[in-house]
Amino acid sequence: MDKKLLDIICCPVTKLPLELLATAQLDTLNTAIRTGEIKNQTGRLLTEELSAALVTRDGQHVYPVRDGIPILLEEECIDWSDQY
């Protein structure tokens, strides 16, 4: 993900800066998706693994990145604090 883009985008809910989710955390998230444990803010169960994700700097909210595009919609947010 482009560093310049990461410098200007923020979480639409908390307004905190975003950074790429670390590989180990992404692996953990994808494992939980495979086992049917992850829901987004609307309560929809996620079924597709993520190739990348952004996380707020406080580690509480995760947003998927699909085809290189950050999906910064509140309803797509994963509340990471509830999950792990």
C-alpha atoms as a PDB file:
ATOM      1  CA  MET A   1       0.000   0.000   0.000  1.00  0.00           C
ATOM      2  CA  ASP A   2       1.223   3.449  -0.879  1.00  0.00           C
ATOM      3  CA  LYS A   3       2.857   5.183   2.097  1.00  0.00           C
ATOM      4  CA  LYS A   4       1.451   8.556   0.978  1.00  0.00           C
ATOM      5  CA  LEU A   5      -2.065   7.143   1.049  1.00  0.00           C
ATOM      6  CA  LEU A   6      -1.549   5.734   4.543  1.00  0.00           C
ATOM      7  CA  ASP A   7      -0.377   9.163   5.683  1.00  0.00           C
ATOM      8  CA  ILE A   8      -3.662  10.826   4.706  1.00  0.00           C
ATOM      9  CA  ILE A   9      -6.408   8.273   5.395  1.00  0.00           C
ATOM     10  CA  CYS A  10      -7.931   7.601   8.778  1.00  0.00           C
ATOM     11  CA  CYS A  11     -10.576   5.483  10.432  1.00  0.00           C
ATOM     12  CA  PRO A  12     -13.999   6.907   9.578  1.00  0.00           C
ATOM     13  CA  VAL A  13     -15.274   5.980  13.048  1.00  0.00           C
ATOM     14  CA  THR A  14     -12.483   7.077  15.396  1.00  0.00           C
ATOM     15  CA  LYS A  15     -10.484   9.358  13.061  1.00  0.00           C
ATOM     16  CA  LEU A  16      -7.311   7.566  14.202  1.00  0.00           C
ATOM     17  CA  PRO A  17      -4.522   6.944  11.674  1.00  0.00           C
ATOM     18  CA  LEU A  18      -4.425   3.581   9.906  1.00  0.00           C
ATOM     19  CA  GLU A  19      -1.531   1.241   9.185  1.00  0.00           C
ATOM     20  CA  LEU A  20      -1.176  -2.109   7.464  1.00  0.00           C
ATOM     21  CA  LEU A  21      -2.147  -5.058   9.603  1.00  0.00           C
ATOM     22  CA  ALA A  22       1.010  -7.043  10.359  1.00  0.00           C
ATOM     23  CA  THR A  23       1.444 -10.371   8.576  1.00  0.00           C
ATOM     24  CA  ALA A  24       1.093 -12.399  11.788  1.00  0.00           C
ATOM     25  CA  GLN A  25      -2.143 -10.606  12.696  1.00  0.00           C
ATOM     26  CA  LEU A  26      -3.465 -10.994   9.151  1.00  0.00           C
ATOM     27  CA  ASP A  27      -2.752 -14.732   9.356  1.00  0.00           C
ATOM     28  CA  THR A  28      -4.631 -14.886  12.664  1.00  0.00           C
ATOM     29  CA  LEU A  29      -7.544 -12.961  11.169  1.00  0.00           C
ATOM     30  CA  ASN A  30      -7.679 -15.226   8.105  1.00  0.00           C
ATOM     31  CA  THR A  31      -7.601 -18.334  10.281  1.00  0.00           C
ATOM     32  CA  ALA A  32     -10.576 -16.965  12.219  1.00  0.00           C
ATOM     33  CA  ILE A  33     -12.372 -16.164   8.945  1.00  0.00           C
ATOM     34  CA  ARG A  34     -11.808 -19.747   7.735  1.00  0.00           C
ATOM     35  CA  THR A  35     -13.306 -21.122  10.950  1.00  0.00           C
ATOM     36  CA  GLY A  36     -16.322 -18.803  10.782  1.00  0.00           C
ATOM     37  CA  GLU A  37     -15.477 -16.635  13.773  1.00  0.00           C
ATOM     38  CA  ILE A  38     -15.306 -13.133  12.244  1.00  0.00           C
ATOM     39  CA  LYS A  39     -18.204 -10.763  11.665  1.00  0.00           C
ATOM     40  CA  ASN A  40     -18.179  -7.170  10.492  1.00  0.00           C
ATOM     41  CA  GLN A  41     -20.070  -4.295  12.142  1.00  0.00           C
ATOM     42  CA  THR A  42     -23.340  -5.285  10.457  1.00  0.00           C
ATOM     43  CA  GLY A  43     -23.053  -8.776  11.915  1.00  0.00           C
ATOM     44  CA  ARG A  44     -22.334 -10.372   8.539  1.00  0.00           C
ATOM     45  CA  LEU A  45     -20.061 -13.393   8.805  1.00  0.00           C
ATOM     46  CA  LEU A  46     -16.911 -12.982   6.706  1.00  0.00           C
ATOM     47  CA  THR A  47     -16.220 -15.919   4.424  1.00  0.00           C
ATOM     48  CA  GLU A  48     -13.431 -14.650   2.166  1.00  0.00           C
ATOM     49  CA  GLU A  49      -9.892 -14.355   3.446  1.00  0.00           C
ATOM     50  CA  LEU A  50      -8.195 -10.979   3.162  1.00  0.00           C
ATOM     51  CA  SER A  51      -4.993 -10.376   1.232  1.00  0.00           C
ATOM     52  CA  ALA A  52      -4.432  -7.175   3.228  1.00  0.00           C
ATOM     53  CA  ALA A  53      -6.117  -5.076   5.884  1.00  0.00           C
ATOM     54  CA  LEU A  54      -5.680  -1.777   7.668  1.00  0.00           C
ATOM     55  CA  VAL A  55      -5.845  -1.376  11.422  1.00  0.00           C
ATOM     56  CA  THR A  56      -6.191   1.707  13.569  1.00  0.00           C
ATOM     57  CA  ARG A  57      -3.046   2.592  15.451  1.00  0.00           C
ATOM     58  CA  ASP A  58      -4.742   1.649  18.710  1.00  0.00           C
ATOM     59  CA  GLY A  59      -5.385  -1.824  17.249  1.00  0.00           C
ATOM     60  CA  GLN A  60      -9.153  -1.703  17.759  1.00  0.00           C
ATOM     61  CA  HIS A  61     -10.630  -1.491  14.248  1.00  0.00           C
ATOM     62  CA  VAL A  62      -9.684  -3.416  11.100  1.00  0.00           C
ATOM     63  CA  TYR A  63     -10.737  -2.529   7.549  1.00  0.00           C
ATOM     64  CA  PRO A  64     -10.379  -4.892   4.591  1.00  0.00           C
ATOM     65  CA  VAL A  65      -8.306  -4.035   1.541  1.00  0.00           C
ATOM     66  CA  ARG A  66      -9.770  -5.552  -1.622  1.00  0.00           C
ATOM     67  CA  ASP A  67      -7.884  -5.445  -4.920  1.00  0.00           C
ATOM     68  CA  GLY A  68      -5.543  -2.868  -3.379  1.00  0.00           C
ATOM     69  CA  ILE A  69      -8.414  -0.564  -2.383  1.00  0.00           C
ATOM     70  CA  PRO A  70      -9.053   0.152   1.324  1.00  0.00           C
ATOM     71  CA  ILE A  71     -12.738  -0.335   2.144  1.00  0.00           C
ATOM     72  CA  LEU A  72     -13.226   2.392   4.730  1.00  0.00           C
ATOM     73  CA  LEU A  73     -16.918   1.897   5.389  1.00  0.00           C
ATOM     74  CA  GLU A  74     -18.104   1.626   8.980  1.00  0.00           C
ATOM     75  CA  GLU A  75     -20.252  -1.396   8.153  1.00  0.00           C
ATOM     76  CA  GLU A  76     -17.199  -3.255   6.756  1.00  0.00           C
ATOM     77  CA  CYS A  77     -15.165  -2.616   9.901  1.00  0.00           C
ATOM     78  CA  ILE A  78     -14.113  -5.540  12.089  1.00  0.00           C
ATOM     79  CA  ASP A  79     -13.998  -4.669  15.769  1.00  0.00           C
ATOM     80  CA  TRP A  80     -10.633  -6.259  16.532  1.00  0.00           C
ATOM     81  CA  SER A  81     -10.982  -5.607  20.267  1.00  0.00           C
ATOM     82  CA  ASP A  82     -14.040  -7.918  20.342  1.00  0.00           C
ATOM     83  CA  GLN A  83     -12.231 -10.602  18.359  1.00  0.00           C
ATOM     84  CA  TYR A  84      -8.725 -10.738  19.892  1.00  0.00           C
END
